[in-house]
C-alpha atoms as a PDB file:
ATOM      1  CA  UNK A   1     -36.250  40.761 -45.081  1.00  0.00           C
ATOM      2  CA  UNK A   2     -36.520  43.688 -42.681  1.00  0.00           C
ATOM      3  CA  UNK A   3     -39.454  43.109 -40.302  1.00  0.00           C
ATOM      4  CA  UNK A   4     -40.134  46.838 -39.930  1.00  0.00           C
ATOM      5  CA  UNK A   5     -40.965  47.222 -43.621  1.00  0.00           C
ATOM      6  CA  UNK A   6     -44.345  45.894 -44.754  1.00  0.00           C
ATOM      7  CA  UNK A   7     -43.976  42.948 -47.116  1.00  0.00           C
ATOM      8  CA  UNK A   8     -46.245  44.623 -49.677  1.00  0.00           C
ATOM      9  CA  UNK A   9     -43.787  47.517 -49.916  1.00  0.00           C
ATOM     10  CA  UNK A  10     -40.870  45.137 -50.328  1.00  0.00           C
ATOM     11  CA  UNK A  11     -42.246  43.198 -53.274  1.00  0.00           C
ATOM     12  CA  UNK A  12     -44.355  45.940 -54.897  1.00  0.00           C
ATOM     13  CA  UNK A  13     -47.557  44.001 -54.424  1.00  0.00           C
ATOM     14  CA  UNK A  14     -51.168  44.978 -54.044  1.00  0.00           C
ATOM     15  CA  UNK A  15     -51.843  41.914 -51.882  1.00  0.00           C
ATOM     16  CA  UNK A  16     -49.435  39.731 -49.919  1.00  0.00           C
ATOM     17  CA  UNK A  17     -50.742  36.796 -47.917  1.00  0.00           C
ATOM     18  CA  UNK A  18     -48.461  34.977 -45.479  1.00  0.00           C
ATOM     19  CA  UNK A  19     -49.764  31.479 -44.776  1.00  0.00           C
ATOM     20  CA  UNK A  20     -49.004  28.688 -42.324  1.00  0.00           C
ATOM     21  CA  UNK A  21     -50.056  25.033 -42.567  1.00  0.00           C
ATOM     22  CA  UNK A  22     -53.718  24.709 -41.592  1.00  0.00           C
ATOM     23  CA  UNK A  23     -54.690  22.414 -38.715  1.00  0.00           C
ATOM     24  CA  UNK A  24     -58.237  22.077 -40.042  1.00  0.00           C
ATOM     25  CA  UNK A  25     -56.991  21.079 -43.471  1.00  0.00           C
ATOM     26  CA  UNK A  26     -54.614  18.585 -41.849  1.00  0.00           C
ATOM     27  CA  UNK A  27     -57.505  16.970 -39.981  1.00  0.00           C
ATOM     28  CA  UNK A  28     -59.676  16.919 -43.086  1.00  0.00           C
ATOM     29  CA  UNK A  29     -56.957  15.295 -45.218  1.00  0.00           C
ATOM     30  CA  UNK A  30     -56.306  12.625 -42.590  1.00  0.00           C
ATOM     31  CA  UNK A  31     -60.023  11.917 -42.144  1.00  0.00           C
ATOM     32  CA  UNK A  32     -60.663  11.626 -45.886  1.00  0.00           C
ATOM     33  CA  UNK A  33     -57.741   9.295 -46.514  1.00  0.00           C
ATOM     34  CA  UNK A  34     -58.583   7.214 -43.431  1.00  0.00           C
ATOM     35  CA  UNK A  35     -62.128   6.818 -44.790  1.00  0.00           C
ATOM     36  CA  UNK A  36     -60.686   5.809 -48.176  1.00  0.00           C
ATOM     37  CA  UNK A  37     -58.492   3.174 -46.493  1.00  0.00           C
ATOM     38  CA  UNK A  38     -61.299   1.655 -44.411  1.00  0.00           C
ATOM     39  CA  UNK A  39     -62.643  -0.659 -47.140  1.00  0.00           C
ATOM     40  CA  UNK A  40     -59.174  -2.142 -47.597  1.00  0.00           C
ATOM     41  CA  UNK A  41     -58.940  -2.802 -43.883  1.00  0.00           C
ATOM     42  CA  UNK A  42     -62.479  -4.027 -43.287  1.00  0.00           C
ATOM     43  CA  UNK A  43     -63.528  -5.805 -46.489  1.00  0.00           C
ATOM     44  CA  UNK A  44     -62.508  -9.380 -45.826  1.00  0.00           C
ATOM     45  CA  UNK A  45     -63.734 -10.708 -49.205  1.00  0.00           C
ATOM     46  CA  UNK A  46     -60.881  -8.977 -51.039  1.00  0.00           C
ATOM     47  CA  UNK A  47     -57.654 -10.842 -51.678  1.00  0.00           C
ATOM     48  CA  UNK A  48     -54.836  -9.953 -49.290  1.00  0.00           C
ATOM     49  CA  UNK A  49     -52.675  -8.578 -52.118  1.00  0.00           C
ATOM     50  CA  UNK A  50     -55.500  -6.272 -53.266  1.00  0.00           C
ATOM     51  CA  UNK A  51     -56.083  -5.049 -49.714  1.00  0.00           C
ATOM     52  CA  UNK A  52     -52.389  -4.346 -49.185  1.00  0.00           C
ATOM     53  CA  UNK A  53     -52.081  -2.638 -52.570  1.00  0.00           C
ATOM     54  CA  UNK A  54     -55.153  -0.500 -51.868  1.00  0.00           C
ATOM     55  CA  UNK A  55     -53.763   0.527 -48.487  1.00  0.00           C
ATOM     56  CA  UNK A  56     -50.306   1.361 -49.919  1.00  0.00           C
ATOM     57  CA  UNK A  57     -51.832   3.540 -52.645  1.00  0.00           C
ATOM     58  CA  UNK A  58     -53.995   5.425 -50.107  1.00  0.00           C
ATOM     59  CA  UNK A  59     -51.011   6.009 -47.798  1.00  0.00           C
ATOM     60  CA  UNK A  60     -48.875   7.261 -50.721  1.00  0.00           C
ATOM     61  CA  UNK A  61     -51.596   9.662 -51.873  1.00  0.00           C
ATOM     62  CA  UNK A  62     -52.099  10.914 -48.309  1.00  0.00           C
ATOM     63  CA  UNK A  63     -48.357  11.520 -47.922  1.00  0.00           C
ATOM     64  CA  UNK A  64     -48.264  13.431 -51.220  1.00  0.00           C
ATOM     65  CA  UNK A  65     -51.118  15.659 -50.041  1.00  0.00           C
ATOM     66  CA  UNK A  66     -49.444  16.238 -46.672  1.00  0.00           C
ATOM     67  CA  UNK A  67     -46.291  17.321 -48.526  1.00  0.00           C
ATOM     68  CA  UNK A  68     -48.303  19.799 -50.604  1.00  0.00           C
ATOM     69  CA  UNK A  69     -49.981  21.272 -47.535  1.00  0.00           C
ATOM     70  CA  UNK A  70     -46.721  21.692 -45.610  1.00  0.00           C
ATOM     71  CA  UNK A  71     -47.050  19.015 -42.958  1.00  0.00           C
ATOM     72  CA  UNK A  72     -44.775  16.236 -44.223  1.00  0.00           C
ATOM     73  CA  UNK A  73     -42.080  18.531 -45.713  1.00  0.00           C
ATOM     74  CA  UNK A  74     -42.399  22.130 -44.518  1.00  0.00           C
ATOM     75  CA  UNK A  75     -39.700  23.316 -46.936  1.00  0.00           C
ATOM     76  CA  UNK A  76     -41.983  22.706 -49.974  1.00  0.00           C
ATOM     77  CA  UNK A  77     -44.903  24.636 -48.507  1.00  0.00           C
ATOM     78  CA  UNK A  78     -46.028  27.866 -50.202  1.00  0.00           C
ATOM     79  CA  UNK A  79     -45.535  30.289 -47.303  1.00  0.00           C
ATOM     80  CA  UNK A  80     -46.379  33.527 -49.122  1.00  0.00           C
ATOM     81  CA  UNK A  81     -48.323  34.485 -52.209  1.00  0.00           C
ATOM     82  CA  UNK A  82     -49.990  37.558 -53.589  1.00  0.00           C
ATOM     83  CA  UNK A  83     -50.769  39.791 -56.512  1.00  0.00           C
ATOM     84  CA  UNK A  84     -48.506  42.476 -57.917  1.00  0.00           C
ATOM     85  CA  UNK A  85     -49.572  45.901 -59.054  1.00  0.00           C
ATOM     86  CA  UNK A  86     -49.233  44.721 -62.678  1.00  0.00           C
ATOM     87  CA  UNK A  87     -51.937  42.104 -62.103  1.00  0.00           C
ATOM     88  CA  UNK A  88     -49.658  39.049 -62.005  1.00  0.00           C
ATOM     89  CA  UNK A  89     -49.677  36.619 -59.120  1.00  0.00           C
ATOM     90  CA  UNK A  90     -46.606  35.236 -57.338  1.00  0.00           C
ATOM     91  CA  UNK A  91     -45.894  32.626 -54.718  1.00  0.00           C
ATOM     92  CA  UNK A  92     -42.872  31.671 -52.642  1.00  0.00           C
ATOM     93  CA  UNK A  93     -41.854  28.104 -51.814  1.00  0.00           C
ATOM     94  CA  UNK A  94     -38.518  26.453 -50.998  1.00  0.00           C
ATOM     95  CA  UNK A  95     -36.927  29.885 -50.700  1.00  0.00           C
ATOM     96  CA  UNK A  96     -37.740  30.638 -54.344  1.00  0.00           C
ATOM     97  CA  UNK A  97     -40.164  33.246 -55.606  1.00  0.00           C
ATOM     98  CA  UNK A  98     -42.219  32.244 -58.635  1.00  0.00           C
ATOM     99  CA  UNK A  99     -43.460  35.370 -60.369  1.00  0.00           C
ATOM    100  CA  UNK A 100     -45.557  36.049 -63.431  1.00  0.00           C
ATOM    101  CA  UNK A 101     -48.128  33.440 -62.373  1.00  0.00           C
ATOM    102  CA  UNK A 102     -51.613  33.622 -63.830  1.00  0.00           C
ATOM    103  CA  UNK A 103     -54.752  32.864 -61.851  1.00  0.00           C
ATOM    104  CA  UNK A 104     -56.406  30.186 -64.000  1.00  0.00           C
ATOM    105  CA  UNK A 105     -59.159  29.120 -61.615  1.00  0.00           C
ATOM    106  CA  UNK A 106     -60.522  29.970 -58.201  1.00  0.00           C
ATOM    107  CA  UNK A 107     -63.098  28.869 -55.655  1.00  0.00           C
ATOM    108  CA  UNK A 108     -64.087  31.328 -52.961  1.00  0.00           C
ATOM    109  CA  UNK A 109     -66.114  30.563 -49.873  1.00  0.00           C
ATOM    110  CA  UNK A 110     -66.461  32.103 -46.419  1.00  0.00           C
ATOM    111  CA  UNK A 111     -64.141  29.496 -44.879  1.00  0.00           C
ATOM    112  CA  UNK A 112     -61.741  28.659 -47.697  1.00  0.00           C
ATOM    113  CA  UNK A 113     -60.183  30.062 -50.860  1.00  0.00           C
ATOM    114  CA  UNK A 114     -58.751  27.779 -53.520  1.00  0.00           C
ATOM    115  CA  UNK A 115     -56.475  29.312 -56.164  1.00  0.00           C
ATOM    116  CA  UNK A 116     -54.934  27.639 -59.186  1.00  0.00           C
ATOM    117  CA  UNK A 117     -51.832  29.555 -60.255  1.00  0.00           C
ATOM    118  CA  UNK A 118     -49.989  28.699 -63.463  1.00  0.00           C
ATOM    119  CA  UNK A 119     -46.445  29.687 -64.307  1.00  0.00           C
ATOM    120  CA  UNK A 120     -44.741  28.883 -67.613  1.00  0.00           C
ATOM    121  CA  UNK A 121     -43.123  25.840 -65.946  1.00  0.00           C
ATOM    122  CA  UNK A 122     -45.911  24.355 -63.804  1.00  0.00           C
ATOM    123  CA  UNK A 123     -49.232  24.837 -62.045  1.00  0.00           C
ATOM    124  CA  UNK A 124     -49.780  25.056 -58.288  1.00  0.00           C
ATOM    125  CA  UNK A 125     -53.081  24.810 -56.419  1.00  0.00           C
ATOM    126  CA  UNK A 126     -53.249  26.694 -53.128  1.00  0.00           C
ATOM    127  CA  UNK A 127     -55.878  25.884 -50.510  1.00  0.00           C
ATOM    128  CA  UNK A 128     -56.182  28.700 -47.979  1.00  0.00           C
ATOM    129  CA  UNK A 129     -58.604  28.042 -45.092  1.00  0.00           C
ATOM    130  CA  UNK A 130     -59.283  30.792 -42.578  1.00  0.00           C
ATOM    131  CA  UNK A 131     -56.904  29.315 -39.995  1.00  0.00           C
ATOM    132  CA  UNK A 132     -53.962  29.398 -42.437  1.00  0.00           C
ATOM    133  CA  UNK A 133     -53.667  33.188 -42.333  1.00  0.00           C
ATOM    134  CA  UNK A 134     -54.917  36.128 -40.333  1.00  0.00           C
ATOM    135  CA  UNK A 135     -58.539  37.261 -40.649  1.00  0.00           C
ATOM    136  CA  UNK A 136     -57.792  40.534 -42.449  1.00  0.00           C
ATOM    137  CA  UNK A 137     -55.591  38.883 -45.092  1.00  0.00           C
ATOM    138  CA  UNK A 138     -58.198  36.195 -45.720  1.00  0.00           C
ATOM    139  CA  UNK A 139     -60.928  38.814 -46.117  1.00  0.00           C
ATOM    140  CA  UNK A 140     -58.792  40.851 -48.541  1.00  0.00           C
ATOM    141  CA  UNK A 141     -57.980  37.705 -50.515  1.00  0.00           C
ATOM    142  CA  UNK A 142     -61.671  36.799 -50.815  1.00  0.00           C
ATOM    143  CA  UNK A 143     -62.515  40.330 -51.928  1.00  0.00           C
ATOM    144  CA  UNK A 144     -59.753  40.323 -54.549  1.00  0.00           C
ATOM    145  CA  UNK A 145     -60.795  36.909 -55.889  1.00  0.00           C
ATOM    146  CA  UNK A 146     -64.460  37.924 -56.112  1.00  0.00           C
ATOM    147  CA  UNK A 147     -63.715  41.231 -57.880  1.00  0.00           C
ATOM    148  CA  UNK A 148     -63.843  41.204 -61.683  1.00  0.00           C
ATOM    149  CA  UNK A 149     -60.432  40.389 -63.104  1.00  0.00           C
END
């Protein structure tokens, strides 16, 4: 893509948000899964097999979440998403653009936006904290999500 041309002009979009993996979300995910693993590590009354199984499940779930948020496998991370002039949403991951997505659910707060986008093939949930994009893009995203659809 030519860097001198705005990305909204390139893809005919009303809103384009470029995102990077969030450090705050990374810390939160690690803290939550570490707290979930603590009983397995500290509860001595549990059988060893149960403790090991618990710990393995927590580590697997943490790894899956780190893949989704772009830390474990950056190639699967959604690095750009937005809304087209026709009202459809799109997102780009793994070098592929998924268009014609529908916003099925959203959660908007001053520090984070959560979007659930559904395509005919699958559904993707995007968590966009303020440190994942620039301030102006995050503000425009919040305004678009709060406006009547």
